[in-house]
């Protein structure tokens, strides 16, 4: 088990949405999955941070309740753009105060943060996941 943080553009190609229909017939219950096509073509972008780092992501996003001590709780949250940008900036700043053993560990997060400010200004929400 480990602490993993993910932030991503919620409607990327990788994030397929499904309609699930439960049907019961005489012998069994089965599921029918139908893929919704309207999410295609939106940027496929996500970034990860593997490690606890003094819980900086839990604190920055005010999601301390997602911390299950040995890992995150697997929860997915939709965060408004402004909140996501501010919280990510806070986490990056806090990371450098930690004197973390691998100072390059935050580089992918920093690059995503820059893309958020320049390329994703019109993205209304971002998904964050604590695993």
N, C-alpha and C. Protein backbone atom coordinates (compact mmCIF):
# COMPACT_ATOMS: atom_id res chain seq x y z
N UNK A 1 0.84 -1.17 0.00
CA UNK A 1 0.00 0.00 0.00
C UNK A 1 0.89 1.24 0.00
N UNK A 2 0.39 2.28 -0.63
CA UNK A 2 1.14 3.54 -0.69
C UNK A 2 0.16 4.67 -0.94
N UNK A 3 0.64 5.87 -0.75
CA UNK A 3 -0.17 7.05 -1.02
C UNK A 3 0.09 7.50 -2.45
N UNK A 4 -0.95 7.55 -3.25
CA UNK A 4 -0.85 8.01 -4.63
C UNK A 4 -1.87 9.12 -4.84
N UNK A 5 -1.44 10.19 -5.47
CA UNK A 5 -2.32 11.30 -5.80
C UNK A 5 -2.38 11.42 -7.31
N UNK A 6 -3.57 11.59 -7.86
CA UNK A 6 -3.76 11.78 -9.29
C UNK A 6 -4.62 13.01 -9.51
N UNK A 7 -4.24 13.83 -10.47
CA UNK A 7 -5.11 14.91 -10.92
C UNK A 7 -5.21 14.78 -12.44
N UNK A 8 -6.42 14.95 -12.96
CA UNK A 8 -6.60 14.76 -14.40
C UNK A 8 -7.75 15.60 -14.94
N UNK A 9 -7.68 15.81 -16.25
CA UNK A 9 -8.79 16.43 -16.96
C UNK A 9 -9.90 15.39 -16.98
N UNK A 10 -11.07 15.70 -16.44
CA UNK A 10 -12.07 14.65 -16.19
C UNK A 10 -12.69 14.01 -17.41
N UNK A 11 -12.69 14.65 -18.54
CA UNK A 11 -13.39 14.08 -19.69
C UNK A 11 -12.44 13.63 -20.78
N UNK A 12 -11.23 13.25 -20.39
CA UNK A 12 -10.26 12.78 -21.37
C UNK A 12 -10.72 11.49 -22.02
N UNK A 13 -10.07 11.13 -23.09
CA UNK A 13 -10.41 9.92 -23.83
C UNK A 13 -10.33 8.70 -22.93
N UNK A 14 -9.39 8.69 -22.00
CA UNK A 14 -9.19 7.57 -21.09
C UNK A 14 -10.34 7.43 -20.10
N UNK A 15 -11.12 8.47 -19.94
CA UNK A 15 -12.18 8.49 -18.93
C UNK A 15 -13.52 8.22 -19.58
N UNK A 16 -13.69 7.03 -20.11
CA UNK A 16 -14.94 6.69 -20.79
C UNK A 16 -16.06 6.58 -19.77
N UNK A 17 -17.20 7.04 -20.15
CA UNK A 17 -18.37 6.97 -19.29
C UNK A 17 -19.30 5.88 -19.81
N UNK A 18 -19.95 5.21 -18.92
CA UNK A 18 -20.83 4.12 -19.31
C UNK A 18 -22.20 4.27 -18.67
N UNK A 19 -23.21 3.86 -19.40
CA UNK A 19 -24.55 3.73 -18.85
C UNK A 19 -24.70 2.25 -18.49
N UNK A 20 -25.04 1.97 -17.26
CA UNK A 20 -25.18 0.59 -16.82
C UNK A 20 -26.65 0.31 -16.60
N UNK A 21 -27.14 -0.73 -17.25
CA UNK A 21 -28.54 -1.13 -17.11
C UNK A 21 -28.56 -2.51 -16.47
N UNK A 22 -29.30 -2.65 -15.39
CA UNK A 22 -29.47 -3.94 -14.73
C UNK A 22 -30.76 -4.55 -15.24
N UNK A 23 -30.66 -5.75 -15.74
CA UNK A 23 -31.83 -6.43 -16.29
C UNK A 23 -31.97 -7.77 -15.61
N UNK A 24 -33.17 -8.11 -15.24
CA UNK A 24 -33.41 -9.39 -14.59
C UNK A 24 -34.35 -10.20 -15.48
N UNK A 25 -33.90 -11.40 -15.82
CA UNK A 25 -34.80 -12.29 -16.54
C UNK A 25 -35.10 -13.48 -15.63
N UNK A 26 -35.65 -14.51 -16.17
CA UNK A 26 -36.08 -15.64 -15.34
C UNK A 26 -34.93 -16.35 -14.65
N UNK A 27 -33.75 -16.36 -15.28
CA UNK A 27 -32.66 -17.16 -14.72
C UNK A 27 -31.54 -16.35 -14.05
N UNK A 28 -31.42 -15.06 -14.37
CA UNK A 28 -30.29 -14.33 -13.80
C UNK A 28 -30.48 -12.82 -13.92
N UNK A 29 -29.56 -12.12 -13.29
CA UNK A 29 -29.47 -10.67 -13.42
C UNK A 29 -28.20 -10.39 -14.22
N UNK A 30 -28.26 -9.52 -15.21
CA UNK A 30 -27.06 -9.21 -15.97
C UNK A 30 -26.96 -7.70 -16.18
N UNK A 31 -25.77 -7.26 -16.55
CA UNK A 31 -25.48 -5.84 -16.74
C UNK A 31 -25.27 -5.58 -18.22
N UNK A 32 -25.76 -4.46 -18.67
CA UNK A 32 -25.53 -4.05 -20.05
C UNK A 32 -24.81 -2.70 -20.00
N UNK A 33 -23.65 -2.62 -20.66
CA UNK A 33 -22.85 -1.40 -20.67
C UNK A 33 -22.96 -0.72 -22.03
N UNK A 34 -23.25 0.56 -22.02
CA UNK A 34 -23.32 1.34 -23.25
C UNK A 34 -22.38 2.52 -23.12
N UNK A 35 -21.40 2.62 -24.01
CA UNK A 35 -20.44 3.72 -23.94
C UNK A 35 -21.06 4.99 -24.49
N UNK A 36 -20.85 6.10 -23.76
CA UNK A 36 -21.32 7.40 -24.23
C UNK A 36 -20.20 8.04 -25.05
N UNK A 37 -20.51 8.47 -26.24
CA UNK A 37 -19.50 8.95 -27.19
C UNK A 37 -19.15 10.43 -27.05
N UNK A 38 -19.95 11.25 -26.37
CA UNK A 38 -19.72 12.69 -26.41
C UNK A 38 -18.45 13.15 -25.70
N UNK A 39 -17.76 12.29 -24.99
CA UNK A 39 -16.54 12.70 -24.29
C UNK A 39 -15.30 12.57 -25.16
N UNK A 40 -15.39 12.01 -26.33
CA UNK A 40 -14.23 11.81 -27.20
C UNK A 40 -13.65 13.16 -27.65
N UNK A 41 -12.33 13.20 -27.79
CA UNK A 41 -11.68 14.38 -28.33
C UNK A 41 -11.24 15.41 -27.32
N UNK A 42 -11.57 15.25 -26.07
CA UNK A 42 -11.12 16.18 -25.04
C UNK A 42 -9.72 15.73 -24.60
N UNK A 43 -8.83 16.65 -24.26
CA UNK A 43 -7.44 16.28 -23.98
C UNK A 43 -7.32 15.14 -22.97
N UNK A 44 -6.40 14.25 -23.28
CA UNK A 44 -6.09 13.13 -22.40
C UNK A 44 -4.88 13.55 -21.56
N UNK A 45 -5.11 14.01 -20.36
CA UNK A 45 -4.01 14.49 -19.54
C UNK A 45 -4.26 14.15 -18.09
N UNK A 46 -3.27 13.53 -17.49
CA UNK A 46 -3.32 13.23 -16.07
C UNK A 46 -1.90 13.12 -15.55
N UNK A 47 -1.75 13.30 -14.26
CA UNK A 47 -0.42 13.24 -13.65
C UNK A 47 -0.56 12.62 -12.27
N UNK A 48 0.52 11.97 -11.83
CA UNK A 48 0.52 11.25 -10.56
C UNK A 48 1.64 11.75 -9.66
N UNK A 49 1.42 11.60 -8.36
CA UNK A 49 2.49 11.76 -7.38
C UNK A 49 2.42 10.54 -6.49
N UNK A 50 3.49 9.75 -6.49
CA UNK A 50 3.54 8.55 -5.68
C UNK A 50 4.35 8.85 -4.43
N UNK A 51 3.69 8.80 -3.29
CA UNK A 51 4.36 9.06 -2.02
C UNK A 51 3.49 9.91 -1.11
N UNK A 52 3.81 9.90 0.16
CA UNK A 52 3.01 10.62 1.16
C UNK A 52 3.43 12.09 1.25
N UNK A 53 4.73 12.34 1.34
CA UNK A 53 5.27 13.71 1.41
C UNK A 53 4.56 14.56 2.46
N UNK A 54 4.48 14.01 3.65
CA UNK A 54 3.87 14.71 4.78
C UNK A 54 2.40 15.09 4.52
N UNK A 55 1.75 14.39 3.62
CA UNK A 55 0.33 14.62 3.36
C UNK A 55 0.01 15.94 2.67
N UNK A 56 0.95 16.46 1.90
CA UNK A 56 0.76 17.79 1.31
C UNK A 56 -0.46 17.87 0.40
N UNK A 57 -0.77 16.80 -0.33
CA UNK A 57 -1.92 16.86 -1.24
C UNK A 57 -3.24 16.77 -0.47
N UNK A 58 -3.29 15.94 0.57
CA UNK A 58 -4.49 15.88 1.41
C UNK A 58 -4.77 17.26 2.00
N UNK A 59 -3.72 17.89 2.52
CA UNK A 59 -3.87 19.20 3.17
C UNK A 59 -4.22 20.29 2.16
N UNK A 60 -3.51 20.33 1.04
CA UNK A 60 -3.72 21.39 0.05
C UNK A 60 -5.14 21.36 -0.51
N UNK A 61 -5.68 20.16 -0.71
CA UNK A 61 -7.04 20.04 -1.26
C UNK A 61 -8.10 19.90 -0.16
N UNK A 62 -7.66 20.05 1.10
CA UNK A 62 -8.56 19.95 2.26
C UNK A 62 -9.34 18.63 2.25
N UNK A 63 -8.62 17.56 2.01
CA UNK A 63 -9.22 16.22 1.94
C UNK A 63 -8.53 15.28 2.92
N UNK A 64 -8.23 15.76 4.12
CA UNK A 64 -7.56 14.93 5.11
C UNK A 64 -8.35 13.67 5.44
N UNK A 65 -9.67 13.72 5.28
CA UNK A 65 -10.50 12.55 5.57
C UNK A 65 -10.27 11.42 4.56
N UNK A 66 -9.60 11.70 3.46
CA UNK A 66 -9.29 10.68 2.45
C UNK A 66 -8.04 9.89 2.80
N UNK A 67 -7.33 10.29 3.85
CA UNK A 67 -6.11 9.63 4.27
C UNK A 67 -6.46 8.43 5.14
N UNK A 68 -6.16 7.22 4.65
CA UNK A 68 -6.43 5.99 5.40
C UNK A 68 -5.16 5.44 6.04
N UNK A 69 -4.27 6.30 6.43
CA UNK A 69 -3.00 6.00 7.08
C UNK A 69 -1.99 5.33 6.16
N UNK A 70 -2.26 4.14 5.62
CA UNK A 70 -1.30 3.46 4.75
C UNK A 70 -1.49 3.81 3.28
N UNK A 71 -2.62 4.39 2.95
CA UNK A 71 -2.90 4.79 1.56
C UNK A 71 -4.08 5.75 1.58
N UNK A 72 -4.42 6.25 0.39
CA UNK A 72 -5.63 7.04 0.28
C UNK A 72 -6.85 6.12 0.28
N UNK A 73 -8.03 6.70 0.34
CA UNK A 73 -9.25 5.89 0.42
C UNK A 73 -9.85 5.55 -0.94
N UNK A 74 -9.19 5.95 -2.03
CA UNK A 74 -9.69 5.65 -3.37
C UNK A 74 -10.76 6.59 -3.85
N UNK A 75 -11.02 7.64 -3.11
CA UNK A 75 -12.10 8.55 -3.48
C UNK A 75 -11.71 9.43 -4.67
N UNK A 76 -12.73 9.79 -5.44
CA UNK A 76 -12.57 10.66 -6.60
C UNK A 76 -13.39 11.92 -6.33
N UNK A 77 -12.78 13.08 -6.52
CA UNK A 77 -13.46 14.35 -6.28
C UNK A 77 -13.37 15.22 -7.52
N UNK A 78 -14.46 15.90 -7.84
CA UNK A 78 -14.44 16.92 -8.89
C UNK A 78 -14.16 18.26 -8.23
N UNK A 79 -13.12 18.93 -8.68
CA UNK A 79 -12.67 20.17 -8.07
C UNK A 79 -12.75 21.29 -9.10
N UNK A 80 -13.38 22.43 -8.75
CA UNK A 80 -13.43 23.55 -9.70
C UNK A 80 -12.03 24.03 -10.08
N UNK A 81 -11.91 24.59 -11.25
CA UNK A 81 -10.63 25.03 -11.80
C UNK A 81 -9.84 25.89 -10.81
N UNK A 82 -10.45 26.96 -10.29
CA UNK A 82 -9.73 27.88 -9.40
C UNK A 82 -9.21 27.16 -8.16
N UNK A 83 -10.03 26.31 -7.58
CA UNK A 83 -9.62 25.56 -6.39
C UNK A 83 -8.47 24.62 -6.73
N UNK A 84 -8.56 23.95 -7.87
CA UNK A 84 -7.51 23.00 -8.28
C UNK A 84 -6.18 23.72 -8.49
N UNK A 85 -6.19 24.85 -9.18
CA UNK A 85 -4.96 25.60 -9.43
C UNK A 85 -4.34 26.07 -8.12
N UNK A 86 -5.16 26.65 -7.25
CA UNK A 86 -4.65 27.17 -5.97
C UNK A 86 -4.11 26.05 -5.08
N UNK A 87 -4.83 24.94 -5.01
CA UNK A 87 -4.40 23.83 -4.16
C UNK A 87 -3.12 23.19 -4.70
N UNK A 88 -3.03 23.05 -6.00
CA UNK A 88 -1.82 22.47 -6.58
C UNK A 88 -0.61 23.37 -6.33
N UNK A 89 -0.79 24.67 -6.44
CA UNK A 89 0.28 25.63 -6.14
C UNK A 89 0.71 25.50 -4.67
N UNK A 90 -0.26 25.37 -3.78
CA UNK A 90 0.04 25.19 -2.36
C UNK A 90 0.84 23.92 -2.12
N UNK A 91 0.43 22.82 -2.75
CA UNK A 91 1.13 21.54 -2.59
C UNK A 91 2.57 21.64 -3.10
N UNK A 92 2.76 22.30 -4.23
CA UNK A 92 4.11 22.46 -4.79
C UNK A 92 4.99 23.27 -3.83
N UNK A 93 4.45 24.37 -3.33
CA UNK A 93 5.20 25.21 -2.38
C UNK A 93 5.56 24.43 -1.12
N UNK A 94 4.60 23.66 -0.60
CA UNK A 94 4.84 22.87 0.62
C UNK A 94 5.88 21.77 0.37
N UNK A 95 5.87 21.21 -0.81
CA UNK A 95 6.84 20.16 -1.16
C UNK A 95 8.26 20.68 -0.97
N UNK A 96 8.53 21.89 -1.43
CA UNK A 96 9.89 22.43 -1.34
C UNK A 96 10.28 22.78 0.09
N UNK A 97 9.32 23.00 0.95
CA UNK A 97 9.63 23.25 2.36
C UNK A 97 10.03 21.96 3.09
N UNK A 98 9.67 20.81 2.52
CA UNK A 98 9.93 19.52 3.18
C UNK A 98 11.37 19.05 3.09
N UNK A 99 12.13 19.59 2.16
CA UNK A 99 13.47 19.07 1.88
C UNK A 99 13.37 17.58 1.55
N UNK A 100 12.47 17.27 0.63
CA UNK A 100 12.18 15.89 0.22
C UNK A 100 13.43 15.23 -0.36
N UNK A 101 13.67 13.95 -0.07
CA UNK A 101 14.89 13.28 -0.55
C UNK A 101 15.05 13.28 -2.07
N UNK A 102 13.95 13.27 -2.82
CA UNK A 102 14.02 13.30 -4.28
C UNK A 102 13.33 14.59 -4.75
N UNK A 103 14.08 15.68 -4.91
CA UNK A 103 13.46 16.96 -5.28
C UNK A 103 12.82 16.96 -6.67
N UNK A 104 13.13 15.96 -7.50
CA UNK A 104 12.52 15.90 -8.84
C UNK A 104 11.16 15.19 -8.83
N UNK A 105 10.78 14.63 -7.70
CA UNK A 105 9.52 13.88 -7.61
C UNK A 105 8.32 14.74 -7.98
N UNK A 106 8.39 16.03 -7.76
CA UNK A 106 7.27 16.95 -7.99
C UNK A 106 7.23 17.48 -9.43
N UNK A 107 8.22 17.17 -10.25
CA UNK A 107 8.32 17.78 -11.58
C UNK A 107 7.09 17.57 -12.46
N UNK A 108 6.55 16.36 -12.49
CA UNK A 108 5.35 16.11 -13.32
C UNK A 108 4.17 16.94 -12.85
N UNK A 109 4.03 17.08 -11.54
CA UNK A 109 2.95 17.91 -10.98
C UNK A 109 3.15 19.36 -11.39
N UNK A 110 4.38 19.87 -11.32
CA UNK A 110 4.66 21.25 -11.72
C UNK A 110 4.33 21.48 -13.19
N UNK A 111 4.69 20.53 -14.05
CA UNK A 111 4.39 20.67 -15.47
C UNK A 111 2.88 20.67 -15.73
N UNK A 112 2.15 19.82 -15.03
CA UNK A 112 0.70 19.79 -15.17
C UNK A 112 0.10 21.12 -14.70
N UNK A 113 0.62 21.65 -13.59
CA UNK A 113 0.18 22.94 -13.06
C UNK A 113 0.34 24.04 -14.12
N UNK A 114 1.47 24.05 -14.81
CA UNK A 114 1.69 25.04 -15.87
C UNK A 114 0.70 24.84 -17.02
N UNK A 115 0.44 23.59 -17.39
CA UNK A 115 -0.55 23.33 -18.45
C UNK A 115 -1.94 23.79 -18.01
N UNK A 116 -2.26 23.61 -16.75
CA UNK A 116 -3.56 24.07 -16.24
C UNK A 116 -3.72 25.57 -16.45
N UNK A 117 -2.68 26.32 -16.10
CA UNK A 117 -2.75 27.78 -16.19
C UNK A 117 -2.81 28.28 -17.63
N UNK A 118 -2.21 27.54 -18.57
CA UNK A 118 -2.13 28.02 -19.95
C UNK A 118 -3.08 27.31 -20.90
N UNK A 119 -3.14 25.99 -20.81
CA UNK A 119 -3.91 25.20 -21.79
C UNK A 119 -5.32 24.85 -21.34
N UNK A 120 -5.55 24.82 -20.04
CA UNK A 120 -6.83 24.31 -19.52
C UNK A 120 -7.64 25.37 -18.80
N UNK A 121 -7.49 26.63 -19.19
CA UNK A 121 -8.25 27.70 -18.54
C UNK A 121 -9.76 27.51 -18.69
N UNK A 122 -10.17 26.83 -19.75
CA UNK A 122 -11.60 26.63 -20.00
C UNK A 122 -12.13 25.31 -19.47
N UNK A 123 -11.29 24.54 -18.80
CA UNK A 123 -11.75 23.29 -18.18
C UNK A 123 -12.40 23.67 -16.85
N UNK A 124 -13.65 23.35 -16.72
CA UNK A 124 -14.41 23.78 -15.54
C UNK A 124 -14.01 23.02 -14.27
N UNK A 125 -13.80 21.71 -14.39
CA UNK A 125 -13.49 20.87 -13.23
C UNK A 125 -12.33 19.94 -13.55
N UNK A 126 -11.63 19.55 -12.50
CA UNK A 126 -10.58 18.53 -12.58
C UNK A 126 -10.94 17.42 -11.60
N UNK A 127 -10.54 16.20 -11.93
CA UNK A 127 -10.73 15.08 -11.01
C UNK A 127 -9.45 14.90 -10.22
N UNK A 128 -9.62 14.69 -8.91
CA UNK A 128 -8.48 14.30 -8.09
C UNK A 128 -8.82 12.96 -7.45
N UNK A 129 -7.81 12.14 -7.30
CA UNK A 129 -8.00 10.80 -6.73
C UNK A 129 -6.91 10.58 -5.68
N UNK A 130 -7.33 10.10 -4.53
CA UNK A 130 -6.39 9.72 -3.47
C UNK A 130 -6.44 8.20 -3.34
N UNK A 131 -5.37 7.55 -3.77
CA UNK A 131 -5.30 6.08 -3.72
C UNK A 131 -4.25 5.61 -2.75
